[in-house]
Amino acid sequence: MSTYKPIVEKRVDLALTNDFLRKATRRATDRLRHNKYQAAEELGDWEQWRLAGDTIRTHVIANLDYYLKQLIAQVEKNGGHVHLAQTPSEAVEIVRQIARDHGAKTIIKSKSMVSEEIHLNPALEKDGISVVETDLGEYILQVAGEVPSHIIVPAMHKTRQQVADIFEPLAGHTLSSDTPTLTRFVRQQMRQKFLQGDIGITGCNFAVADTGSIVMVTNEGNGRMVSTLPRIQITLMGMERIVPSFRELSVLLNLLARSATGQRLSSYTTILTPPKHATDADGPEEFHLVILDHNRSEILGDPTFRQSLKCIRCGACFNVCPVYRQIGGHAYGSVYSGPIGSVITPLLEKDWEKWGHLPYFSSLCGACSEACPVRIPLHDLLVKLRARKTLTGHTPQIEKRIFQAYRFMFTHEKTLRRALRLGARFQFPFVQHDRIVSGPPPLSNWTKSKTLPMVASKSFMYLWEEAKRQGTIPTPNSKE
């Protein structure tokens, strides 16, 4: 048995017994999903917009080498520095070296999923650098020592009272749990941090290849402070986060905001072409763009899973997924949760023992594929990931034994009938209200959350043979 299996089961059990988490997750995803439907309807023919987004992202992925070269050339022409990182550890070391070169003591960050992916904060903190998340949700989780539970709403599993309790040690006094008090407290904290930051680190929703511009989509404006006040800016991006020009960007921004939060446009859509030039009023004097591979090149070369790189990180698939809506993001155990996380995490990390459970965190209902604004067939990819796991020999031994027994039973009719008769006779200790509600392992894993129909005392085949003997089966020419 995998050493990670008990950990996974524990995370899932904790999520399923956390009533507030489940209610908060359903409430937040319901609201986001409803807002998306309204915004999509307002836009017009949503399927045509999805097709346009799919076409753009497919084109970029198919020509990624060309657009990466163009982006790198433009950033360097603008005066920026580009760093290519093959692995997360390389990306971390690049950022650490920049911080060391400039004697940085404080780094302020706007939201960056890549920084979570490479586990940047702990590495910087080991170097004695103070790292401050400036996105409100991310800041709450940083103070609490937790990780995000949703790609768009990272702290949605927290109540306002819990947030107040988290902030009270920093405040040194009791805080009211009303929203204005909490946001005022964070605003006061952040103003000092913004002014003290030696380096600003940002994420990148899109990079515009033909201008070397960086696009950040936020709803708080902290990204603008992080990218204008510090003298040095570092932007982290996955290598696939490129658009050819502003023309394609306009399509994807329409899709992103509507799919993520149901807005026509996010409150702050920031387009930067750093570093600061002589005629600019503000901005960083020095700009570094760190482009991360982390096995994306291998995904790019895989015709089956290449489509997963089209993702624009909107979170729409989270909001319709029945599994995510029941257990939230922490049960996945990965930086990227939800359906898209279940696809890309095993591909990025290449560790079936640790992440092989993720493709099974899905009912395969297909709602995620319908919700995706760039038409990634997520449920198909999840099935193919399950197949790849099996074909590469990573199936647990107990699962192999179960399917071997299944194959044996269904290829030996007499044995199957005998087993069904025994099951019908000995099932009653596990039956309540005509349903099987418990049982020995591995059946007990199923009956922890579901019930099964009773084994019939007479099988269908037995009843069919009996009906044929009695002549009670209607024939095609029968008037019945």
Protein backbone atom coordinates (compact mmCIF):
# COMPACT_ATOMS: atom_id res chain seq x y z
CA MET A 1 0.00 0.00 0.00
CA SER A 2 1.25 3.50 -0.80
CA THR A 3 2.62 5.37 2.20
CA TYR A 4 0.58 8.36 1.03
CA LYS A 5 -2.80 6.59 0.98
CA PRO A 6 -3.57 7.01 4.72
CA ILE A 7 -2.63 10.70 4.43
CA VAL A 8 -5.01 11.18 1.50
CA GLU A 9 -7.82 9.35 3.30
CA LYS A 10 -7.25 11.44 6.43
CA ARG A 11 -7.48 14.69 4.45
CA VAL A 12 -10.70 13.56 2.79
CA ASP A 13 -12.22 12.38 6.09
CA LEU A 14 -11.37 15.71 7.74
CA ALA A 15 -13.02 17.60 4.89
CA LEU A 16 -16.16 15.45 4.94
CA THR A 17 -16.61 15.95 8.69
CA ASN A 18 -16.06 19.73 8.50
CA ASP A 19 -19.62 20.99 8.05
CA PHE A 20 -18.63 24.66 7.82
CA LEU A 21 -16.04 23.95 5.14
CA ARG A 22 -18.55 22.06 3.03
CA LYS A 23 -21.25 24.73 3.42
CA ALA A 24 -18.80 27.56 2.72
CA THR A 25 -17.43 25.79 -0.34
CA ARG A 26 -20.88 25.13 -1.76
CA ARG A 27 -22.03 28.67 -1.02
CA ALA A 28 -18.98 30.27 -2.65
CA THR A 29 -18.98 28.01 -5.70
CA ASP A 30 -22.74 28.47 -6.16
CA ARG A 31 -22.30 32.24 -6.14
CA LEU A 32 -19.36 32.19 -8.55
CA ARG A 33 -21.11 29.77 -10.89
CA HIS A 34 -24.33 31.82 -10.93
CA ASN A 35 -22.38 35.03 -11.58
CA LYS A 36 -20.55 33.34 -14.45
CA TYR A 37 -23.79 32.23 -16.10
CA GLN A 38 -25.17 35.77 -15.92
CA ALA A 39 -21.99 37.35 -17.28
CA ALA A 40 -21.72 34.80 -20.08
CA GLU A 41 -25.31 35.39 -21.15
CA GLU A 42 -24.72 39.12 -21.18
CA LEU A 43 -21.73 38.72 -23.50
CA GLY A 44 -23.71 37.01 -26.24
CA ASP A 45 -22.91 33.71 -27.95
CA TRP A 46 -20.78 32.18 -25.21
CA GLU A 47 -19.91 29.10 -27.24
CA GLN A 48 -18.41 31.27 -29.96
CA TRP A 49 -16.28 33.03 -27.35
CA ARG A 50 -15.19 29.63 -25.97
CA LEU A 51 -14.27 28.54 -29.48
CA ALA A 52 -12.23 31.71 -29.96
CA GLY A 53 -10.43 31.15 -26.64
CA ASP A 54 -9.77 27.52 -27.55
CA THR A 55 -8.41 28.53 -30.96
CA ILE A 56 -6.05 31.13 -29.47
CA ARG A 57 -4.70 28.87 -26.76
CA THR A 58 -4.32 25.89 -29.12
CA HIS A 59 -2.40 28.09 -31.57
CA VAL A 60 -0.09 29.39 -28.84
CA ILE A 61 0.63 25.91 -27.46
CA ALA A 62 1.35 24.59 -30.97
CA ASN A 63 3.79 27.47 -31.59
CA LEU A 64 5.09 27.98 -28.08
CA ASP A 65 8.76 27.93 -29.06
CA TYR A 66 8.20 30.84 -31.47
CA TYR A 67 6.24 32.95 -28.98
CA LEU A 68 8.68 32.26 -26.14
CA LYS A 69 11.57 33.48 -28.30
CA GLN A 70 9.57 36.55 -29.28
CA LEU A 71 8.65 37.31 -25.66
CA ILE A 72 12.22 36.90 -24.43
CA ALA A 73 13.56 39.15 -27.19
CA GLN A 74 11.01 41.87 -26.42
CA VAL A 75 11.56 41.80 -22.65
CA GLU A 76 15.31 42.09 -23.15
CA LYS A 77 14.83 44.83 -25.74
CA ASN A 78 12.78 46.73 -23.16
CA GLY A 79 15.67 46.45 -20.69
CA GLY A 80 14.46 43.50 -18.63
CA HIS A 81 16.28 40.31 -17.67
CA VAL A 82 14.89 36.86 -18.54
CA HIS A 83 15.73 33.72 -16.59
CA LEU A 84 14.73 30.23 -17.79
CA ALA A 85 14.20 27.70 -15.00
CA GLN A 86 13.98 24.02 -15.88
CA THR A 87 12.92 22.94 -12.37
CA PRO A 88 11.27 24.50 -9.31
CA SER A 89 14.59 24.41 -7.45
CA GLU A 90 16.26 26.35 -10.27
CA ALA A 91 13.50 28.98 -10.15
CA VAL A 92 13.87 29.32 -6.39
CA GLU A 93 17.63 29.68 -6.66
CA ILE A 94 17.27 32.40 -9.32
CA VAL A 95 15.02 34.45 -7.03
CA ARG A 96 17.27 33.85 -4.01
CA GLN A 97 20.32 35.01 -5.98
CA ILE A 98 18.58 38.20 -7.11
CA ALA A 99 17.60 38.87 -3.49
CA ARG A 100 21.18 38.24 -2.29
CA ASP A 101 22.67 40.45 -5.00
CA HIS A 102 20.53 43.36 -3.82
CA GLY A 103 20.74 42.68 -0.09
CA ALA A 104 16.96 42.39 0.13
CA LYS A 105 15.48 42.17 3.61
CA THR A 106 11.77 42.46 2.77
CA ILE A 107 9.94 41.05 -0.26
CA ILE A 108 6.32 41.89 -0.97
CA LYS A 109 4.27 39.62 -3.19
CA SER A 110 1.06 39.81 -5.13
CA LYS A 111 -0.77 36.59 -5.93
CA SER A 112 1.36 34.04 -7.79
CA MET A 113 0.40 30.39 -8.19
CA VAL A 114 3.85 29.65 -9.63
CA SER A 115 5.44 30.82 -6.37
CA GLU A 116 3.19 28.31 -4.58
CA GLU A 117 4.15 25.65 -7.12
CA ILE A 118 7.87 26.09 -6.47
CA HIS A 119 7.42 26.63 -2.68
CA LEU A 120 9.26 29.93 -2.82
CA ASN A 121 8.31 31.54 0.49
CA PRO A 122 9.92 28.94 2.82
CA ALA A 123 13.19 29.13 0.86
CA LEU A 124 13.34 32.92 1.11
CA GLU A 125 12.45 32.85 4.79
CA LYS A 126 15.33 30.44 5.43
CA ASP A 127 17.59 33.16 4.01
CA GLY A 128 16.28 35.54 6.67
CA ILE A 129 14.09 37.49 4.26
CA SER A 130 10.68 38.71 5.37
CA VAL A 131 8.12 37.68 2.74
CA VAL A 132 4.69 39.31 2.81
CA GLU A 133 1.67 38.20 0.80
CA THR A 134 -0.33 41.33 -0.07
CA ASP A 135 -3.44 39.69 -1.53
CA LEU A 136 -6.00 39.69 1.32
CA GLY A 137 -6.91 36.01 1.05
CA GLU A 138 -3.28 34.96 0.66
CA TYR A 139 -2.26 37.17 3.61
CA ILE A 140 -4.89 35.55 5.84
CA LEU A 141 -3.54 32.11 4.97
CA GLN A 142 0.08 33.18 5.38
CA VAL A 143 -0.59 34.41 8.91
CA ALA A 144 -2.60 31.25 9.62
CA GLY A 145 0.16 29.03 8.19
CA GLU A 146 -2.17 27.44 5.62
CA VAL A 147 -2.31 27.02 1.84
CA PRO A 148 -5.04 28.23 -0.56
CA SER A 149 -8.20 26.16 -0.94
CA HIS A 150 -9.38 27.76 -4.20
CA ILE A 151 -7.43 29.25 -7.09
CA ILE A 152 -9.56 32.45 -7.11
CA VAL A 153 -10.91 32.65 -3.52
CA PRO A 154 -8.03 31.21 -1.49
CA ALA A 155 -9.49 31.77 1.99
CA MET A 156 -13.13 30.98 1.34
CA HIS A 157 -13.06 28.24 3.99
CA LYS A 158 -12.53 30.84 6.76
CA THR A 159 -15.29 32.61 8.69
CA ARG A 160 -14.93 36.29 9.51
CA GLN A 161 -14.55 35.37 13.18
CA GLN A 162 -11.76 32.97 12.34
CA VAL A 163 -10.04 35.71 10.35
CA ALA A 164 -10.40 38.09 13.31
CA ASP A 165 -8.87 35.46 15.61
CA ILE A 166 -5.96 34.98 13.19
CA PHE A 167 -5.22 38.73 13.10
CA GLU A 168 -5.61 39.46 16.83
CA PRO A 169 -2.04 38.46 17.82
CA LEU A 170 -0.76 40.90 15.18
CA ALA A 171 -3.12 43.64 16.30
CA GLY A 172 -2.39 43.14 20.00
CA HIS A 173 -6.05 43.66 20.86
CA THR A 174 -9.47 42.18 20.15
CA LEU A 175 -10.74 42.77 16.61
CA SER A 176 -14.36 42.94 15.58
CA SER A 177 -15.27 40.36 12.96
CA ASP A 178 -17.11 42.79 10.67
CA THR A 179 -15.65 43.17 7.21
CA PRO A 180 -14.79 46.92 7.37
CA THR A 181 -12.78 46.43 10.58
CA LEU A 182 -10.83 43.49 9.20
CA THR A 183 -10.05 45.13 5.86
CA ARG A 184 -9.05 48.38 7.63
CA PHE A 185 -6.61 46.45 9.80
CA VAL A 186 -5.04 44.71 6.79
CA ARG A 187 -4.86 47.98 4.86
CA GLN A 188 -2.93 49.60 7.71
CA GLN A 189 -0.56 46.62 7.86
CA MET A 190 -0.03 46.61 4.11
CA ARG A 191 0.74 50.31 3.75
CA GLN A 192 3.87 49.90 5.84
CA LYS A 193 4.85 46.71 4.03
CA PHE A 194 4.45 48.34 0.61
CA LEU A 195 6.80 51.15 1.63
CA GLN A 196 9.37 48.77 3.14
CA GLY A 197 9.56 46.31 0.25
CA ASP A 198 12.99 45.94 -1.33
CA ILE A 199 11.72 43.60 -4.05
CA GLY A 200 8.24 43.03 -5.45
CA ILE A 201 7.28 39.59 -6.75
CA THR A 202 4.23 39.20 -8.97
CA GLY A 203 2.50 36.47 -10.86
CA CYS A 204 1.56 36.70 -14.51
CA ASN A 205 -1.86 35.92 -15.94
CA PHE A 206 -0.62 36.54 -19.46
CA ALA A 207 2.58 37.73 -21.13
CA VAL A 208 2.14 39.57 -24.45
CA ALA A 209 4.76 38.20 -26.84
CA ASP A 210 4.98 41.06 -29.34
CA THR A 211 5.45 43.82 -26.73
CA GLY A 212 7.07 42.02 -23.78
CA SER A 213 4.23 43.20 -21.54
CA ILE A 214 3.04 41.47 -18.35
CA VAL A 215 -0.67 41.27 -17.50
CA MET A 216 -1.98 40.87 -13.95
CA VAL A 217 -5.67 40.37 -13.17
CA THR A 218 -6.65 41.24 -9.58
CA ASN A 219 -9.54 42.66 -7.60
CA GLU A 220 -7.60 44.46 -4.87
CA GLY A 221 -4.99 46.60 -6.59
CA ASN A 222 -2.17 45.16 -4.50
CA GLY A 223 -0.50 43.97 -7.69
CA ARG A 224 -0.05 47.58 -8.78
CA MET A 225 1.58 48.54 -5.50
CA VAL A 226 3.92 45.54 -5.64
CA SER A 227 4.95 46.33 -9.21
CA THR A 228 5.47 50.09 -8.82
CA LEU A 229 6.87 50.86 -5.34
CA PRO A 230 9.85 48.48 -4.97
CA ARG A 231 12.96 49.28 -6.99
CA ILE A 232 13.18 45.69 -8.26
CA GLN A 233 10.38 43.57 -9.70
CA ILE A 234 10.46 39.80 -10.25
CA THR A 235 7.64 38.20 -12.23
CA LEU A 236 7.13 34.44 -12.15
CA MET A 237 5.29 32.71 -14.98
CA GLY A 238 4.69 29.26 -16.36
CA MET A 239 6.12 28.96 -19.86
CA GLU A 240 2.66 28.51 -21.42
CA ARG A 241 1.15 31.79 -20.14
CA ILE A 242 1.61 33.69 -23.41
CA VAL A 243 -0.65 35.50 -25.86
CA PRO A 244 0.62 36.66 -29.27
CA SER A 245 -0.70 40.23 -29.07
CA PHE A 246 -3.24 42.54 -27.42
CA ARG A 247 -5.86 41.40 -29.92
CA GLU A 248 -5.86 37.87 -28.50
CA LEU A 249 -5.48 39.23 -24.98
CA SER A 250 -8.83 41.05 -25.22
CA VAL A 251 -10.63 37.76 -25.95
CA LEU A 252 -8.97 35.90 -23.08
CA LEU A 253 -9.56 38.71 -20.58
CA ASN A 254 -13.27 38.62 -21.41
CA LEU A 255 -13.31 34.87 -20.85
CA LEU A 256 -11.16 34.97 -17.70
CA ALA A 257 -13.08 37.57 -15.71
CA ARG A 258 -16.49 36.17 -16.59
CA SER A 259 -15.49 32.56 -15.91
CA ALA A 260 -13.67 33.34 -12.67
CA THR A 261 -15.97 35.75 -10.82
CA GLY A 262 -18.74 36.71 -13.23
CA GLN A 263 -17.31 40.21 -13.79
CA ARG A 264 -17.12 41.92 -17.16
CA LEU A 265 -13.57 42.82 -16.24
CA SER A 266 -11.70 42.44 -12.98
CA SER A 267 -11.38 45.54 -10.80
CA TYR A 268 -7.71 45.85 -11.69
CA THR A 269 -6.41 44.59 -15.01
CA THR A 270 -2.81 45.80 -14.98
CA ILE A 271 -0.62 45.79 -18.09
CA LEU A 272 3.04 46.56 -17.48
CA THR A 273 6.02 46.82 -19.81
CA PRO A 274 8.85 47.09 -17.28
CA PRO A 275 11.40 48.25 -16.37
CA LYS A 276 10.73 51.93 -15.75
CA HIS A 277 11.79 54.27 -18.55
CA ALA A 278 12.80 57.90 -18.33
CA THR A 279 9.33 59.16 -19.20
CA ASP A 280 7.53 56.85 -16.72
CA ALA A 281 6.19 58.29 -13.49
CA ASP A 282 6.69 55.07 -11.55
CA GLY A 283 7.66 51.42 -11.89
CA PRO A 284 10.67 49.24 -11.10
CA GLU A 285 14.15 50.28 -12.11
CA GLU A 286 15.10 46.64 -12.62
CA PHE A 287 12.90 43.86 -13.95
CA HIS A 288 13.43 40.10 -13.93
CA LEU A 289 11.12 37.62 -15.68
CA VAL A 290 11.50 34.03 -14.46
CA ILE A 291 9.96 31.52 -16.88
CA LEU A 292 9.34 28.10 -15.36
CA ASP A 293 9.28 24.81 -17.24
CA HIS A 294 8.77 22.17 -14.49
CA ASN A 295 7.93 19.36 -16.95
CA ARG A 296 5.70 21.58 -19.07
CA SER A 297 7.96 20.78 -22.03
CA GLU A 298 7.16 17.09 -21.58
CA ILE A 299 3.44 17.86 -21.43
CA LEU A 300 3.84 19.96 -24.57
CA GLY A 301 5.36 16.97 -26.35
CA ASP A 302 2.56 14.64 -25.24
CA PRO A 303 -0.30 14.73 -27.79
CA THR A 304 -2.71 13.28 -25.23
CA PHE A 305 -2.24 15.85 -22.46
CA ARG A 306 -0.95 18.90 -24.35
CA GLN A 307 -4.43 20.41 -24.12
CA SER A 308 -4.07 20.85 -20.37
CA LEU A 309 -1.58 23.67 -21.03
CA LYS A 310 -4.41 25.77 -22.50
CA CYS A 311 -5.71 26.48 -18.98
CA ILE A 312 -6.11 30.19 -18.10
CA ARG A 313 -6.50 29.53 -14.33
CA CYS A 314 -10.05 30.87 -14.02
CA GLY A 315 -11.29 28.25 -11.54
CA ALA A 316 -14.59 27.69 -13.41
CA CYS A 317 -14.07 23.91 -13.29
CA PHE A 318 -13.81 24.05 -9.47
CA ASN A 319 -17.20 25.69 -9.19
CA VAL A 320 -19.12 22.93 -10.97
CA CYS A 321 -17.18 19.89 -9.75
CA PRO A 322 -19.30 17.76 -7.34
CA VAL A 323 -16.16 16.36 -5.72
CA TYR A 324 -14.54 19.74 -5.09
CA ARG A 325 -17.84 21.13 -3.82
CA GLN A 326 -17.96 18.38 -1.17
CA ILE A 327 -14.36 18.37 0.08
CA GLY A 328 -12.82 21.74 -0.85
CA GLY A 329 -9.26 22.25 -2.03
CA HIS A 330 -7.13 21.11 0.91
CA ALA A 331 -8.19 17.46 0.58
CA TYR A 332 -6.40 17.27 -2.77
CA GLY A 333 -3.08 17.98 -1.08
CA SER A 334 -1.72 19.75 -4.15
CA VAL A 335 -1.07 23.40 -5.05
CA TYR A 336 -3.52 23.10 -7.95
CA SER A 337 -6.76 21.46 -6.85
CA GLY A 338 -10.10 20.94 -8.59
CA PRO A 339 -10.40 19.14 -11.94
CA ILE A 340 -7.54 21.00 -13.61
CA GLY A 341 -5.28 20.31 -10.64
CA SER A 342 -6.16 16.63 -10.82
CA VAL A 343 -4.95 16.65 -14.43
CA ILE A 344 -1.81 18.78 -14.29
CA THR A 345 -0.38 17.88 -10.87
CA PRO A 346 0.53 14.26 -11.73
CA LEU A 347 1.99 15.49 -15.03
CA LEU A 348 4.03 18.28 -13.44
CA GLU A 349 5.24 16.32 -10.43
CA LYS A 350 5.73 12.91 -12.14
CA ASP A 351 5.13 11.03 -8.89
CA TRP A 352 2.32 8.49 -9.18
CA GLU A 353 2.75 7.26 -5.63
CA LYS A 354 2.17 10.71 -4.16
CA TRP A 355 -0.27 12.15 -6.71
CA GLY A 356 -1.84 9.09 -8.34
CA HIS A 357 -5.02 9.56 -6.32
CA LEU A 358 -5.90 12.86 -8.01
CA PRO A 359 -7.38 11.51 -11.28
CA TYR A 360 -9.90 9.63 -9.12
CA PHE A 361 -11.11 12.82 -7.42
CA SER A 362 -13.80 13.09 -10.07
CA SER A 363 -17.23 11.67 -10.82
CA LEU A 364 -16.48 12.03 -14.58
CA CYS A 365 -19.78 13.84 -15.01
CA GLY A 366 -18.22 16.18 -17.59
CA ALA A 367 -19.40 19.41 -15.94
CA CYS A 368 -15.80 20.66 -15.76
CA SER A 369 -15.32 20.28 -19.50
CA GLU A 370 -18.55 22.18 -20.16
CA ALA A 371 -17.48 24.98 -17.80
CA CYS A 372 -13.96 25.41 -19.19
CA PRO A 373 -13.80 28.67 -21.21
CA VAL A 374 -11.08 27.27 -23.49
CA ARG A 375 -12.76 23.89 -23.94
CA ILE A 376 -10.23 21.59 -22.27
CA PRO A 377 -11.85 18.10 -22.20
CA LEU A 378 -10.97 17.65 -18.53
CA HIS A 379 -13.06 14.56 -17.83
CA ASP A 380 -11.54 12.79 -20.86
CA LEU A 381 -8.03 13.66 -19.66
CA LEU A 382 -8.83 12.32 -16.20
CA VAL A 383 -9.89 8.98 -17.70
CA LYS A 384 -6.70 8.88 -19.78
CA LEU A 385 -4.60 9.67 -16.71
CA ARG A 386 -6.21 6.75 -14.88
CA ALA A 387 -5.35 4.53 -17.84
CA ARG A 388 -1.76 5.77 -17.92
CA LYS A 389 -1.36 5.10 -14.22
CA THR A 390 -2.57 1.53 -14.71
CA LEU A 391 -0.58 0.85 -17.87
CA THR A 392 2.64 2.09 -16.26
CA GLY A 393 2.25 -0.40 -13.42
CA HIS A 394 1.22 1.92 -10.60
CA THR A 395 -2.03 0.18 -9.68
CA PRO A 396 -2.19 -0.85 -5.98
CA GLN A 397 -1.89 -4.61 -5.40
CA ILE A 398 -5.29 -4.85 -3.71
CA GLU A 399 -6.94 -3.23 -6.74
CA LYS A 400 -5.20 -5.71 -9.04
CA ARG A 401 -6.45 -8.60 -6.91
CA ILE A 402 -10.00 -7.27 -6.91
CA PHE A 403 -10.11 -7.00 -10.70
CA GLN A 404 -8.50 -10.41 -11.11
CA ALA A 405 -11.26 -11.85 -8.91
CA TYR A 406 -13.85 -9.88 -10.90
CA ARG A 407 -12.52 -11.29 -14.18
CA PHE A 408 -12.47 -14.82 -12.78
CA MET A 409 -16.05 -14.61 -11.49
CA PHE A 410 -17.48 -13.25 -14.72
CA THR A 411 -15.71 -15.84 -16.85
CA HIS A 412 -16.86 -18.77 -14.66
CA GLU A 413 -20.65 -18.71 -14.61
CA LYS A 414 -21.20 -21.50 -12.10
CA THR A 415 -18.78 -19.92 -9.62
CA LEU A 416 -20.51 -16.56 -10.03
CA ARG A 417 -23.94 -18.03 -9.39
CA ARG A 418 -22.66 -19.87 -6.34
CA ALA A 419 -21.10 -16.65 -4.99
CA LEU A 420 -24.35 -14.74 -5.52
CA ARG A 421 -26.33 -17.38 -3.64
CA LEU A 422 -23.85 -17.22 -0.76
CA GLY A 423 -23.98 -13.42 -0.81
CA ALA A 424 -27.77 -13.44 -0.64
CA ARG A 425 -27.66 -15.82 2.32
CA PHE A 426 -24.96 -14.12 4.41
CA GLN A 427 -25.58 -10.42 3.69
CA PHE A 428 -28.15 -9.76 6.43
CA PRO A 429 -25.74 -8.67 9.22
CA PHE A 430 -24.77 -5.78 6.90
CA VAL A 431 -28.30 -4.80 5.82
CA GLN A 432 -30.59 -2.04 7.09
CA HIS A 433 -33.84 -0.98 5.42
CA ASP A 434 -33.17 -3.28 2.46
CA ARG A 435 -29.77 -1.69 1.72
CA ILE A 436 -26.23 -2.89 2.43
CA VAL A 437 -24.86 -0.22 4.78
CA SER A 438 -21.59 -1.80 5.98
CA GLY A 439 -19.24 -4.65 5.22
CA PRO A 440 -15.71 -5.99 5.48
CA PRO A 441 -12.81 -4.32 3.60
CA PRO A 442 -12.59 -3.31 0.82
CA LEU A 443 -16.40 -2.98 0.75
CA SER A 444 -16.26 -0.85 3.90
CA ASN A 445 -14.53 1.97 1.97
CA TRP A 446 -17.62 2.23 -0.23
CA THR A 447 -20.20 1.93 2.54
CA LYS A 448 -18.60 4.71 4.61
CA SER A 449 -20.46 7.20 2.44
CA LYS A 450 -22.83 5.15 0.27
CA THR A 451 -25.17 2.17 0.46
CA LEU A 452 -25.61 -0.73 -1.95
CA PRO A 453 -28.68 -2.67 -3.08
CA MET A 454 -29.12 -6.08 -1.51
CA VAL A 455 -27.97 -9.17 -3.38
CA ALA A 456 -31.17 -10.64 -4.85
CA SER A 457 -32.23 -14.01 -3.48
CA LYS A 458 -32.88 -15.06 -7.08
CA SER A 459 -30.66 -13.75 -9.85
CA PHE A 460 -32.02 -12.31 -13.09
CA MET A 461 -30.63 -15.29 -15.02
CA TYR A 462 -32.44 -17.68 -12.68
CA LEU A 463 -35.72 -15.76 -13.08
CA TRP A 464 -35.24 -15.65 -16.85
CA GLU A 465 -34.69 -19.39 -17.12
CA GLU A 466 -37.70 -19.98 -14.87
CA ALA A 467 -39.89 -17.69 -17.01
CA LYS A 468 -38.79 -19.52 -20.19
CA ARG A 469 -39.69 -22.86 -18.63
CA GLN A 470 -43.10 -21.55 -17.65
CA GLY A 471 -43.65 -19.96 -21.07
CA THR A 472 -44.40 -16.51 -19.58
CA ILE A 473 -41.92 -14.54 -21.75
CA PRO A 474 -43.74 -12.50 -24.46
CA THR A 475 -42.58 -13.29 -28.02
CA PRO A 476 -42.10 -10.59 -30.73
CA ASN A 477 -45.35 -11.71 -32.37
CA SER A 478 -47.26 -11.63 -29.08
CA LYS A 479 -50.18 -9.19 -28.79
CA GLU A 480 -48.99 -8.30 -25.31
